[in-house]
C-alpha atoms as a PDB file:
ATOM      1  CA  MET A   1     -32.114   4.918  22.565  1.00  0.00           C
ATOM      2  CA  TYR A   2     -30.332   2.122  24.359  1.00  0.00           C
ATOM      3  CA  ALA A   3     -30.998  -1.399  25.539  1.00  0.00           C
ATOM      4  CA  ILE A   4     -29.654  -3.726  28.201  1.00  0.00           C
ATOM      5  CA  VAL A   5     -29.003  -7.210  26.869  1.00  0.00           C
ATOM      6  CA  ARG A   6     -27.927 -10.431  28.536  1.00  0.00           C
ATOM      7  CA  HIS A   7     -25.234 -12.597  26.963  1.00  0.00           C
ATOM      8  CA  SER A   8     -23.231 -15.438  28.525  1.00  0.00           C
ATOM      9  CA  GLY A   9     -24.432 -14.534  32.015  1.00  0.00           C
ATOM     10  CA  LYS A  10     -23.351 -10.891  31.640  1.00  0.00           C
ATOM     11  CA  GLN A  11     -25.303  -7.704  31.060  1.00  0.00           C
ATOM     12  CA  TYR A  12     -24.338  -5.037  28.508  1.00  0.00           C
ATOM     13  CA  ARG A  13     -25.753  -1.596  27.810  1.00  0.00           C
ATOM     14  CA  VAL A  14     -25.734  -1.003  24.050  1.00  0.00           C
ATOM     15  CA  SER A  15     -26.750   1.685  21.574  1.00  0.00           C
ATOM     16  CA  VAL A  16     -26.774   1.783  17.773  1.00  0.00           C
ATOM     17  CA  GLY A  17     -23.223   2.129  16.463  1.00  0.00           C
ATOM     18  CA  ASP A  18     -21.520   0.858  19.614  1.00  0.00           C
ATOM     19  CA  GLU A  19     -18.705  -1.676  19.352  1.00  0.00           C
ATOM     20  CA  LEU A  20     -18.919  -4.351  22.005  1.00  0.00           C
ATOM     21  CA  VAL A  21     -16.418  -6.962  23.158  1.00  0.00           C
ATOM     22  CA  CYS A  22     -18.081 -10.063  24.580  1.00  0.00           C
ATOM     23  CA  ASP A  23     -17.499 -13.792  24.945  1.00  0.00           C
ATOM     24  CA  ARG A  24     -16.961 -15.793  21.772  1.00  0.00           C
ATOM     25  CA  ILE A  25     -19.888 -15.912  19.342  1.00  0.00           C
ATOM     26  CA  LYS A  26     -19.761 -18.671  16.742  1.00  0.00           C
ATOM     27  CA  GLY A  27     -19.890 -17.447  13.185  1.00  0.00           C
ATOM     28  CA  LYS A  28     -17.948 -15.845  10.352  1.00  0.00           C
ATOM     29  CA  ILE A  29     -16.881 -12.259   9.999  1.00  0.00           C
ATOM     30  CA  GLY A  30     -19.846 -10.162   8.818  1.00  0.00           C
ATOM     31  CA  ASP A  31     -22.523 -12.569  10.080  1.00  0.00           C
ATOM     32  CA  SER A  32     -25.618 -11.110  11.726  1.00  0.00           C
ATOM     33  CA  VAL A  33     -26.055 -11.632  15.479  1.00  0.00           C
ATOM     34  CA  LYS A  34     -29.446 -11.368  17.159  1.00  0.00           C
ATOM     35  CA  PHE A  35     -29.981 -10.752  20.898  1.00  0.00           C
ATOM     36  CA  ASP A  36     -33.415 -11.723  22.179  1.00  0.00           C
ATOM     37  CA  LYS A  37     -32.760 -11.679  25.917  1.00  0.00           C
ATOM     38  CA  LEU A  38     -33.447  -8.056  26.766  1.00  0.00           C
ATOM     39  CA  LEU A  39     -33.823  -6.624  30.251  1.00  0.00           C
ATOM     40  CA  LEU A  40     -34.740  -3.032  29.389  1.00  0.00           C
ATOM     41  CA  ILE A  41     -35.191  -0.646  26.467  1.00  0.00           C
ATOM     42  CA  SER A  42     -35.078   3.117  26.982  1.00  0.00           C
ATOM     43  CA  ASP A  43     -36.254   5.513  24.275  1.00  0.00           C
ATOM     44  CA  SER A  44     -36.275   9.249  25.109  1.00  0.00           C
ATOM     45  CA  GLY A  45     -36.997   8.570  28.783  1.00  0.00           C
ATOM     46  CA  ASN A  46     -39.683   5.985  28.022  1.00  0.00           C
ATOM     47  CA  ASN A  47     -38.530   2.732  29.646  1.00  0.00           C
ATOM     48  CA  ILE A  48     -39.886  -0.578  28.438  1.00  0.00           C
ATOM     49  CA  VAL A  49     -39.639  -3.507  30.836  1.00  0.00           C
ATOM     50  CA  GLY A  50     -41.411  -6.815  31.344  1.00  0.00           C
ATOM     51  CA  ASP A  51     -41.092 -10.056  29.432  1.00  0.00           C
ATOM     52  CA  LYS A  52     -44.313  -9.559  27.448  1.00  0.00           C
ATOM     53  CA  GLU A  53     -43.339  -6.088  26.215  1.00  0.00           C
ATOM     54  CA  LEU A  54     -39.695  -6.922  25.622  1.00  0.00           C
ATOM     55  CA  ALA A  55     -40.631 -10.027  23.605  1.00  0.00           C
ATOM     56  CA  LYS A  56     -41.521  -7.692  20.707  1.00  0.00           C
ATOM     57  CA  TYR A  57     -38.036  -6.185  20.605  1.00  0.00           C
ATOM     58  CA  HIS A  58     -34.589  -7.463  19.836  1.00  0.00           C
ATOM     59  CA  VAL A  59     -31.105  -6.142  19.078  1.00  0.00           C
ATOM     60  CA  GLU A  60     -29.353  -6.725  15.756  1.00  0.00           C
ATOM     61  CA  ALA A  61     -25.545  -6.734  15.555  1.00  0.00           C
ATOM     62  CA  ALA A  62     -22.800  -7.744  13.108  1.00  0.00           C
ATOM     63  CA  LEU A  63     -19.739  -9.814  13.931  1.00  0.00           C
ATOM     64  CA  ILE A  64     -16.510  -7.884  13.309  1.00  0.00           C
ATOM     65  CA  GLU A  65     -13.750 -10.066  14.734  1.00  0.00           C
ATOM     66  CA  ASN A  66     -13.012 -13.243  16.669  1.00  0.00           C
ATOM     67  CA  TYR A  67      -9.781 -13.322  18.639  1.00  0.00           C
ATOM     68  CA  ASP A  68      -8.081 -14.657  21.770  1.00  0.00           C
ATOM     69  CA  ASP A  69      -7.631 -12.299  24.698  1.00  0.00           C
ATOM     70  CA  GLU A  70      -4.283 -11.715  26.418  1.00  0.00           C
ATOM     71  CA  LYS A  71      -2.819 -14.655  28.273  1.00  0.00           C
ATOM     72  CA  ILE A  72      -3.204 -14.834  32.053  1.00  0.00           C
ATOM     73  CA  ASN A  73      -1.241 -17.098  34.377  1.00  0.00           C
ATOM     74  CA  VAL A  74      -3.087 -19.216  36.932  1.00  0.00           C
ATOM     75  CA  PHE A  75      -0.899 -20.344  39.820  1.00  0.00           C
ATOM     76  CA  LYS A  76      -2.026 -22.831  42.444  1.00  0.00           C
ATOM     77  CA  TYR A  77      -0.104 -23.962  45.508  1.00  0.00           C
ATOM     78  CA  LYS A  78      -0.555 -25.614  48.869  1.00  0.00           C
ATOM     79  CA  ALA A  79       1.529 -24.453  51.788  1.00  0.00           C
ATOM     80  CA  LYS A  80       4.031 -26.934  53.259  1.00  0.00           C
ATOM     81  CA  LYS A  81       3.014 -29.614  50.768  1.00  0.00           C
ATOM     82  CA  GLY A  82       5.299 -28.876  47.840  1.00  0.00           C
ATOM     83  CA  TYR A  83       2.267 -28.503  45.552  1.00  0.00           C
ATOM     84  CA  ARG A  84       2.806 -25.985  42.756  1.00  0.00           C
ATOM     85  CA  ARG A  85       0.821 -25.717  39.502  1.00  0.00           C
ATOM     86  CA  LEU A  86       1.192 -22.989  36.874  1.00  0.00           C
ATOM     87  CA  THR A  87      -1.171 -22.885  33.887  1.00  0.00           C
ATOM     88  CA  GLY A  88      -2.023 -20.274  31.263  1.00  0.00           C
ATOM     89  CA  HIS A  89      -5.394 -19.249  29.852  1.00  0.00           C
ATOM     90  CA  ARG A  90      -6.530 -17.113  26.931  1.00  0.00           C
ATOM     91  CA  GLN A  91     -10.223 -16.236  26.871  1.00  0.00           C
ATOM     92  CA  GLN A  92     -11.896 -16.356  23.473  1.00  0.00           C
ATOM     93  CA  LYS A  93     -13.510 -13.035  22.593  1.00  0.00           C
ATOM     94  CA  SER A  94     -15.692 -11.557  19.856  1.00  0.00           C
ATOM     95  CA  LYS A  95     -16.084  -7.957  18.737  1.00  0.00           C
ATOM     96  CA  ILE A  96     -19.477  -6.897  17.406  1.00  0.00           C
ATOM     97  CA  ILE A  97     -21.125  -3.674  16.288  1.00  0.00           C
ATOM     98  CA  ILE A  98     -24.716  -2.834  17.169  1.00  0.00           C
ATOM     99  CA  GLU A  99     -26.741  -2.047  14.047  1.00  0.00           C
ATOM    100  CA  ALA A 100     -30.371  -1.802  15.135  1.00  0.00           C
ATOM    101  CA  ILE A 101     -32.621  -1.829  18.205  1.00  0.00           C
ATOM    102  CA  GLY A 102     -36.395  -2.183  17.984  1.00  0.00           C
ATOM    103  CA  THR A 103     -39.213  -4.375  16.772  1.00  0.00           C
ATOM    104  CA  GLU A 104     -38.910  -6.799  13.866  1.00  0.00           C
ATOM    105  CA  LYS A 105     -40.208  -4.229  11.373  1.00  0.00           C
ATOM    106  CA  GLU A 106     -37.997  -1.430  12.684  1.00  0.00           C
ATOM    107  CA  THR A 107     -34.874  -3.542  12.714  1.00  0.00           C
ATOM    108  CA  LYS A 108     -35.485  -4.752   9.145  1.00  0.00           C
ATOM    109  CA  ALA A 109     -35.820  -1.164   7.912  1.00  0.00           C
ATOM    110  CA  ALA A 110     -32.723  -0.115   9.852  1.00  0.00           C
ATOM    111  CA  MET A 111     -30.733  -3.071   8.513  1.00  0.00           C
ATOM    112  CA  LYS A 112     -31.795  -2.233   4.945  1.00  0.00           C
ATOM    113  CA  THR A 113     -30.668   1.360   5.369  1.00  0.00           C
ATOM    114  CA  ARG A 114     -27.436   0.167   6.910  1.00  0.00           C
ATOM    115  CA  ALA A 115     -26.806  -2.195   3.981  1.00  0.00           C
ATOM    116  CA  GLN A 116     -27.377   0.633   1.474  1.00  0.00           C
ATOM    117  CA  GLU A 117     -24.956   2.894   3.349  1.00  0.00           C
ATOM    118  CA  LYS A 118     -22.407   0.098   3.481  1.00  0.00           C
ATOM    119  CA  ALA A 119     -22.730  -0.509  -0.277  1.00  0.00           C
ATOM    120  CA  ALA A 120     -22.303   3.212  -0.971  1.00  0.00           C
ATOM    121  CA  ASP A 121     -19.192   3.285   1.243  1.00  0.00           C
ATOM    122  CA  GLU A 122     -17.771   0.281  -0.590  1.00  0.00           C
ATOM    123  CA  ILE A 123     -18.349   1.948  -3.973  1.00  0.00           C
ATOM    124  CA  GLU A 124     -16.698   5.132  -2.742  1.00  0.00           C
ATOM    125  CA  LYS A 125     -13.706   3.212  -1.382  1.00  0.00           C
ATOM    126  CA  THR A 126     -13.373   1.236  -4.628  1.00  0.00           C
ATOM    127  CA  THR A 127     -13.495   4.433  -6.697  1.00  0.00           C
ATOM    128  CA  ALA A 128     -10.901   6.110  -4.486  1.00  0.00           C
ATOM    129  CA  ARG A 129      -8.663   3.034  -4.671  1.00  0.00           C
ATOM    130  CA  ALA A 130      -8.942   2.909  -8.477  1.00  0.00           C
ATOM    131  CA  ALA A 131      -8.129   6.625  -8.750  1.00  0.00           C
ATOM    132  CA  LYS A 132      -5.110   6.182  -6.494  1.00  0.00           C
ATOM    133  CA  GLU A 133      -3.847   3.206  -8.525  1.00  0.00           C
ATOM    134  CA  ALA A 134      -4.300   5.153 -11.781  1.00  0.00           C
ATOM    135  CA  LYS A 135      -2.404   8.111 -10.333  1.00  0.00           C
ATOM    136  CA  THR A 136       0.417   5.846  -9.164  1.00  0.00           C
ATOM    137  CA  ALA A 137       0.606   4.137 -12.560  1.00  0.00           C
ATOM    138  CA  LYS A 138       0.718   7.504 -14.330  1.00  0.00           C
ATOM    139  CA  ALA A 139       3.492   8.745 -12.050  1.00  0.00           C
ATOM    140  CA  ALA A 140       5.478   5.547 -12.634  1.00  0.00           C
ATOM    141  CA  LYS A 141       5.030   5.871 -16.418  1.00  0.00           C
ATOM    142  CA  THR A 142       6.180   9.510 -16.340  1.00  0.00           C
ATOM    143  CA  ALA A 143       9.205   8.615 -14.236  1.00  0.00           C
ATOM    144  CA  LYS A 144      10.089   5.770 -16.616  1.00  0.00           C
ATOM    145  CA  ALA A 145       9.806   8.049 -19.652  1.00  0.00           C
ATOM    146  CA  ALA A 146      11.993  10.680 -17.974  1.00  0.00           C
ATOM    147  CA  LYS A 147      14.578   8.049 -17.096  1.00  0.00           C
ATOM    148  CA  THR A 148      14.607   6.728 -20.678  1.00  0.00           C
ATOM    149  CA  ALA A 149      15.039  10.254 -22.072  1.00  0.00           C
ATOM    150  CA  LYS A 150      17.868  10.949 -19.631  1.00  0.00           C
ATOM    151  CA  THR A 151      19.632   7.702 -20.599  1.00  0.00           C
ATOM    152  CA  ALA A 152      19.284   8.478 -24.320  1.00  0.00           C
ATOM    153  CA  LYS A 153      20.638  11.983 -23.785  1.00  0.00           C
ATOM    154  CA  ALA A 154      23.630  10.671 -21.852  1.00  0.00           C
ATOM    155  CA  ALA A 155      24.343   8.069 -24.559  1.00  0.00           C
ATOM    156  CA  LYS A 156      24.189  10.739 -27.237  1.00  0.00           C
ATOM    157  CA  ALA A 157      26.587  12.985 -25.298  1.00  0.00           C
ATOM    158  CA  THR A 158      29.145  10.194 -24.888  1.00  0.00           C
ATOM    159  CA  LYS A 159      28.993   9.090 -28.542  1.00  0.00           C
ATOM    160  CA  VAL A 160      32.427   9.341 -30.268  1.00  0.00           C
ATOM    161  CA  THR A 161      32.452  11.799 -33.129  1.00  0.00           C
ATOM    162  CA  LYS A 162      34.008  10.701 -36.446  1.00  0.00           C
ATOM    163  CA  PRO A 163      37.461  12.240 -37.240  1.00  0.00           C
ATOM    164  CA  ALA A 164      37.702  14.804 -40.011  1.00  0.00           C
ATOM    165  CA  LYS A 165      38.659  13.612 -43.512  1.00  0.00           C
ATOM    166  CA  ALA A 166      42.413  13.211 -43.680  1.00  0.00           C
ATOM    167  CA  THR A 167      44.347  15.145 -46.297  1.00  0.00           C
ATOM    168  CA  LYS A 168      46.312  13.379 -48.981  1.00  0.00           C
ATOM    169  CA  THR A 169      49.640  14.164 -47.335  1.00  0.00           C
ATOM    170  CA  ALA A 170      48.458  13.117 -43.892  1.00  0.00           C
ATOM    171  CA  LYS A 171      46.992   9.958 -45.382  1.00  0.00           C
ATOM    172  CA  ALA A 172      50.292   9.084 -47.032  1.00  0.00           C
ATOM    173  CA  THR A 173      52.135   9.789 -43.806  1.00  0.00           C
ATOM    174  CA  SER A 174      49.746   7.630 -41.848  1.00  0.00           C
ATOM    175  CA  ASN A 175      50.412   4.781 -44.283  1.00  0.00           C
ATOM    176  CA  GLY A 176      54.129   4.986 -43.574  1.00  0.00           C
ATOM    177  CA  LYS A 177      55.061   6.634 -46.855  1.00  0.00           C
ATOM    178  CA  ALA A 178      56.619   9.881 -45.831  1.00  0.00           C
ATOM    179  CA  THR A 179      57.057  12.310 -48.604  1.00  0.00           C
ATOM    180  CA  LYS A 180      60.412  13.867 -49.034  1.00  0.00           C
ATOM    181  CA  ALA A 181      60.723  17.460 -49.959  1.00  0.00           C
ATOM    182  CA  VAL A 182      62.624  17.830 -53.205  1.00  0.00           C
ATOM    183  CA  LYS A 183      65.014  20.704 -53.189  1.00  0.00           C
ATOM    184  CA  LYS A 184      65.745  22.298 -56.496  1.00  0.00           C
ATOM    185  CA  ASP A 185      69.387  23.180 -56.187  1.00  0.00           C
ATOM    186  CA  LYS A 186      70.980  25.655 -58.455  1.00  0.00           C
ATOM    187  CA  PRO A 187      73.241  24.244 -61.165  1.00  0.00           C
ATOM    188  CA  SER A 188      76.723  23.532 -59.935  1.00  0.00           C
ATOM    189  CA  VAL A 189      79.413  26.110 -60.662  1.00  0.00           C
ATOM    190  CA  ARG A 190      82.020  23.391 -60.904  1.00  0.00           C
ATOM    191  CA  GLY A 191      81.387  22.818 -64.529  1.00  0.00           C
ATOM    192  CA  LYS A 192      83.591  23.809 -67.406  1.00  0.00           C
ATOM    193  CA  PRO A 193      85.886  26.801 -66.825  1.00  0.00           C
ATOM    194  CA  LYS A 194      84.716  30.047 -68.146  1.00  0.00           C
ATOM    195  CA  LYS A 195      86.153  31.139 -71.443  1.00  0.00           C
ATOM    196  CA  LYS A 196      88.541  34.029 -71.234  1.00  0.00           C
ATOM    197  CA  ASP A 197      87.925  37.019 -73.344  1.00  0.00           C
ATOM    198  CA  ALA A 198      89.731  36.879 -76.629  1.00  0.00           C
ATOM    199  CA  ASP A 199      91.223  40.328 -76.038  1.00  0.00           C
ATOM    200  CA  LYS A 200      92.995  39.139 -72.990  1.00  0.00           C
END
């Protein structure tokens, strides 16, 4: 099913779900746009024309974006007169999406269904976003814990061990009191002369 609508002196062929770029439409993003000026509606080969018949139908759309088109240069001149004028222009455009085509009752039902689908999509996106954020937070927490454990392990490895308990001799030596080894010499032989035997 498609329709031919008239907007800003131009004609557009539209179907449900089509995205259309047209001249600027005043409104905010997400606002509903209604086209009443229809030239033809075709449904499975059944064409509807005529102002009386088409008055029952209209096209519902939603505003997606308002933007300025690419800049074009307009150059004017007159030969042999030295007249030169250069100006720029950016046409204001709007992007819309067609949501429903039909009578008032049909479009209301279609818009309701569309709103329910949109709400379901939003819930699904929100759930997916929350799951992604939770996964990212969990990964960050795990990485932080691993980093902390690695730092603690490195600090433990570099910790200076206490020296063994010094012995009494080593302790005295370290205090500057060196012990001297006492030698037990044999008694001197330079004492009194030996007594000679009486027989001699």
